N, C-alpha and C. Protein backbone atom coordinates (compact mmCIF):
# COMPACT_ATOMS: atom_id res chain seq x y z
N UNK A 1 46.90 -32.06 -2.57
CA UNK A 1 46.97 -33.19 -1.45
C UNK A 1 45.99 -34.30 -2.34
N UNK A 2 46.13 -35.11 -2.37
CA UNK A 2 45.53 -36.28 -3.06
C UNK A 2 43.85 -36.48 -1.78
N UNK A 3 42.93 -37.03 -2.13
CA UNK A 3 42.02 -37.37 -1.72
C UNK A 3 41.44 -38.74 -2.04
N UNK A 4 40.88 -39.00 -1.10
CA UNK A 4 39.91 -40.32 -1.56
C UNK A 4 38.21 -39.98 -1.42
N UNK A 5 37.63 -41.11 -1.99
CA UNK A 5 36.05 -40.87 -1.47
C UNK A 5 35.70 -41.90 -0.37
N UNK A 6 35.45 -41.45 0.17
CA UNK A 6 34.69 -42.94 1.48
C UNK A 6 33.22 -42.72 1.43
N UNK A 7 32.55 -43.24 2.27
CA UNK A 7 31.22 -43.32 3.22
C UNK A 7 31.16 -43.19 4.15
N UNK A 8 30.62 -42.84 5.28
CA UNK A 8 30.46 -43.12 6.58
C UNK A 8 29.16 -43.28 7.00
N UNK A 9 28.76 -44.49 7.59
CA UNK A 9 27.81 -45.22 7.76
C UNK A 9 27.70 -44.99 9.74
N UNK A 10 26.44 -44.25 9.59
CA UNK A 10 26.43 -43.53 11.15
C UNK A 10 24.97 -44.17 11.56
N UNK A 11 25.14 -45.09 12.66
CA UNK A 11 24.09 -45.51 13.41
C UNK A 11 23.80 -44.56 14.53
N UNK A 12 22.66 -43.78 14.95
CA UNK A 12 22.28 -42.92 16.33
C UNK A 12 21.67 -43.36 16.86
N UNK A 13 21.80 -43.66 18.56
CA UNK A 13 20.77 -44.74 19.57
C UNK A 13 20.89 -43.45 20.07
N UNK A 14 21.44 -42.53 20.49
CA UNK A 14 21.49 -41.79 21.43
C UNK A 14 20.58 -40.47 21.49
N UNK A 15 19.41 -39.82 21.28
CA UNK A 15 19.38 -38.74 20.96
C UNK A 15 19.98 -37.13 21.34
N UNK A 16 20.85 -37.58 22.61
CA UNK A 16 21.22 -36.56 23.44
C UNK A 16 22.39 -35.87 22.24
N UNK A 17 23.09 -36.83 21.51
CA UNK A 17 24.77 -36.93 21.01
C UNK A 17 24.48 -36.20 19.24
N UNK A 18 22.95 -35.95 19.01
CA UNK A 18 22.77 -35.53 17.46
C UNK A 18 23.49 -34.27 17.12
N UNK A 19 23.40 -33.02 18.53
CA UNK A 19 23.84 -31.87 18.36
C UNK A 19 25.12 -31.46 17.95
N UNK A 20 26.17 -32.45 19.40
CA UNK A 20 27.33 -32.48 18.66
C UNK A 20 28.03 -33.68 17.34
N UNK A 21 26.75 -34.26 17.11
CA UNK A 21 27.04 -34.65 15.55
C UNK A 21 27.21 -34.18 14.54
N UNK A 22 26.32 -33.10 14.85
CA UNK A 22 26.04 -32.30 13.23
C UNK A 22 26.89 -31.01 13.54
N UNK A 23 27.35 -30.71 14.52
CA UNK A 23 28.19 -29.85 14.76
C UNK A 23 29.70 -30.52 14.20
N UNK A 24 30.12 -31.49 14.31
CA UNK A 24 31.10 -32.26 13.58
C UNK A 24 30.95 -32.29 12.44
N UNK A 25 29.95 -32.50 12.02
CA UNK A 25 29.94 -33.04 10.07
C UNK A 25 29.88 -31.15 9.85
N UNK A 26 29.56 -30.41 10.57
CA UNK A 26 29.67 -28.63 9.88
C UNK A 26 31.17 -28.35 10.15
N UNK A 27 31.66 -28.68 10.90
CA UNK A 27 33.18 -28.61 11.03
C UNK A 27 33.26 -28.86 9.66
N UNK A 28 33.45 -30.38 8.99
CA UNK A 28 34.22 -30.89 8.13
C UNK A 28 32.99 -30.79 6.89
N UNK A 29 32.18 -29.82 6.89
CA UNK A 29 31.42 -29.87 5.52
C UNK A 29 31.40 -29.61 4.09
N UNK A 30 33.26 -28.83 3.94
CA UNK A 30 33.54 -28.72 2.83
C UNK A 30 34.41 -30.08 2.40
N UNK A 31 33.96 -30.83 2.86
CA UNK A 31 34.51 -32.54 2.56
C UNK A 31 33.06 -33.34 1.92
N UNK A 32 32.45 -32.50 2.35
CA UNK A 32 30.86 -33.83 2.37
C UNK A 32 30.56 -33.41 1.07
N UNK A 33 30.05 -34.62 -0.19
CA UNK A 33 29.49 -34.39 -0.85
C UNK A 33 28.39 -34.44 -0.66
N UNK A 34 27.58 -35.37 0.08
CA UNK A 34 26.36 -35.16 0.26
C UNK A 34 26.03 -36.30 1.39
N UNK A 35 25.04 -35.94 2.02
CA UNK A 35 24.31 -36.48 3.38
C UNK A 35 22.70 -37.13 3.29
N UNK A 36 22.55 -38.27 3.90
CA UNK A 36 21.10 -39.11 4.01
C UNK A 36 20.93 -39.34 4.97
N UNK A 37 20.06 -39.28 5.75
CA UNK A 37 19.12 -39.54 6.73
C UNK A 37 17.95 -40.12 6.81
N UNK A 38 17.96 -41.19 7.64
CA UNK A 38 16.71 -42.23 7.62
C UNK A 38 16.15 -42.25 9.12
N UNK A 39 15.11 -41.86 9.24
CA UNK A 39 14.61 -42.02 10.59
C UNK A 39 14.24 -43.30 10.74
N UNK A 40 14.16 -44.36 11.72
CA UNK A 40 14.01 -45.74 11.98
C UNK A 40 13.37 -45.78 12.88
N UNK A 41 11.75 -45.35 13.15
CA UNK A 41 10.80 -45.09 14.29
C UNK A 41 10.25 -46.60 15.21
N UNK A 42 10.35 -47.37 14.58
CA UNK A 42 10.19 -48.61 15.15
C UNK A 42 11.59 -49.39 16.20
N UNK A 43 12.20 -48.84 15.59
CA UNK A 43 14.01 -48.96 16.50
C UNK A 43 14.28 -48.30 17.41
N UNK A 44 13.79 -46.77 17.00
CA UNK A 44 14.56 -46.00 17.73
C UNK A 44 15.89 -45.57 17.71
N UNK A 45 16.25 -45.64 16.35
CA UNK A 45 17.52 -44.90 15.93
C UNK A 45 17.30 -44.39 14.41
N UNK A 46 18.39 -43.52 14.06
CA UNK A 46 18.61 -42.47 13.29
C UNK A 46 19.77 -43.06 12.32
N UNK A 47 19.55 -43.30 11.11
CA UNK A 47 20.74 -44.02 9.89
C UNK A 47 21.19 -42.75 9.17
N UNK A 48 22.32 -42.79 9.15
CA UNK A 48 22.71 -41.33 8.36
C UNK A 48 23.91 -42.00 7.59
N UNK A 49 23.81 -41.64 6.35
CA UNK A 49 25.05 -41.99 5.20
C UNK A 49 26.02 -40.37 4.95
N UNK A 50 27.04 -40.27 4.64
CA UNK A 50 27.61 -38.96 4.76
C UNK A 50 28.69 -39.71 3.50
N UNK A 51 28.55 -39.38 2.56
CA UNK A 51 29.44 -39.44 1.11
C UNK A 51 30.80 -38.15 1.44
N UNK A 52 32.08 -38.78 1.42
CA UNK A 52 32.85 -37.24 1.82
C UNK A 52 34.43 -37.81 0.50
N UNK A 53 34.73 -36.35 -0.24
CA UNK A 53 36.15 -36.34 -0.50
C UNK A 53 37.27 -35.91 -0.28
N UNK A 54 37.94 -36.37 0.47
CA UNK A 54 39.36 -35.43 1.78
C UNK A 54 40.18 -36.57 1.19
N UNK A 55 41.21 -35.59 2.07
CA UNK A 55 42.48 -36.78 2.20
C UNK A 55 41.98 -37.62 3.42
N UNK A 56 43.18 -38.75 3.38
CA UNK A 56 42.78 -39.70 3.93
C UNK A 56 42.82 -39.17 5.83
N UNK A 57 43.95 -38.73 6.51
CA UNK A 57 43.92 -38.18 7.19
C UNK A 57 42.49 -37.22 7.80
N UNK A 58 41.70 -36.91 7.02
CA UNK A 58 40.94 -35.82 7.43
C UNK A 58 39.65 -37.16 7.77
N UNK A 59 39.32 -37.31 6.43
CA UNK A 59 38.49 -38.65 6.50
C UNK A 59 38.84 -39.90 7.59
N UNK A 60 39.94 -40.05 8.31
CA UNK A 60 40.08 -40.74 9.99
C UNK A 60 39.71 -39.92 11.00
N UNK A 61 40.56 -38.77 11.05
CA UNK A 61 39.87 -37.73 12.02
C UNK A 61 38.19 -37.80 12.25
N UNK A 62 37.61 -37.23 11.11
CA UNK A 62 36.01 -37.03 11.16
C UNK A 62 35.40 -38.77 11.50
N UNK A 63 36.09 -39.42 11.07
CA UNK A 63 34.91 -40.88 11.25
C UNK A 63 35.37 -41.38 12.88
N UNK A 64 36.63 -41.08 13.54
CA UNK A 64 37.54 -41.08 14.30
C UNK A 64 36.30 -40.61 15.56
N UNK A 65 36.36 -39.02 15.54
CA UNK A 65 35.54 -37.89 15.99
C UNK A 65 34.10 -38.62 16.53
N UNK A 66 33.40 -38.68 14.89
CA UNK A 66 32.14 -39.41 15.52
C UNK A 66 31.70 -40.93 16.18
N UNK A 67 32.87 -41.54 16.16
CA UNK A 67 32.91 -42.82 16.93
C UNK A 67 33.18 -42.29 18.17
N UNK A 68 33.47 -41.72 18.47
CA UNK A 68 33.72 -41.27 19.95
C UNK A 68 32.19 -40.50 20.69
N UNK A 69 31.67 -39.93 20.02
CA UNK A 69 30.07 -39.51 20.76
C UNK A 69 29.84 -40.67 21.04
N UNK A 70 29.03 -40.31 22.55
CA UNK A 70 28.06 -41.53 22.94
C UNK A 70 26.74 -41.63 21.93
N UNK A 71 26.52 -43.11 22.13
CA UNK A 71 25.29 -43.78 21.55
C UNK A 71 25.37 -43.48 19.92
N UNK A 72 26.75 -43.20 19.32
CA UNK A 72 26.99 -43.56 17.69
C UNK A 72 27.63 -44.03 17.88
N UNK A 73 27.58 -45.09 16.55
CA UNK A 73 28.58 -46.00 16.18
C UNK A 73 28.71 -45.45 14.70
N UNK A 74 30.22 -45.84 14.39
CA UNK A 74 30.27 -45.37 12.67
C UNK A 74 30.93 -46.06 12.05
N UNK A 75 30.95 -46.90 10.81
CA UNK A 75 32.02 -47.56 10.04
C UNK A 75 32.42 -46.61 8.76
N UNK A 76 32.98 -47.06 8.12
CA UNK A 76 33.68 -46.09 6.73
C UNK A 76 34.16 -47.30 5.53
N UNK A 77 33.56 -46.69 4.62
CA UNK A 77 34.32 -47.70 3.70
C UNK A 77 34.93 -46.88 2.79
N UNK A 78 35.89 -47.17 2.58
CA UNK A 78 36.76 -46.07 1.16
C UNK A 78 37.26 -46.44 -0.06
N UNK A 79 36.90 -45.59 -0.96
CA UNK A 79 37.61 -45.73 -2.06
C UNK A 79 38.89 -46.47 -2.13
N UNK A 80 38.63 -47.67 -3.64
CA UNK A 80 40.39 -47.96 -3.64
C UNK A 80 41.41 -47.42 -4.08
N UNK A 81 42.29 -47.46 -3.14
CA UNK A 81 43.79 -46.58 -4.02
C UNK A 81 43.99 -46.87 -4.90
C-alpha cells in the first residue's frame, strides 16, 4: 500500500486529555517517524509535532481522532503526491 509523509501539529490546551492523546499516539506508533513536544508554560499549552509515514486513510483517522479530543487542536500537512 502506498504511504505518504505527513506532519501533524497538535496544540494541547486541556491537560486532562493528554492521557487519551498518548493512547492514540501509542495505537498508531508503528506509523510514527518522530515526535517533538514543547511545553509553553507562559501560555499554559503544549505544542506537539508528530511526523508520520502511513497510508492516507490512516493519517486521516489519526488526525481526526486527535481533533475530536476535548481541548486539543490538530492540523495536518501532507507530502505532495
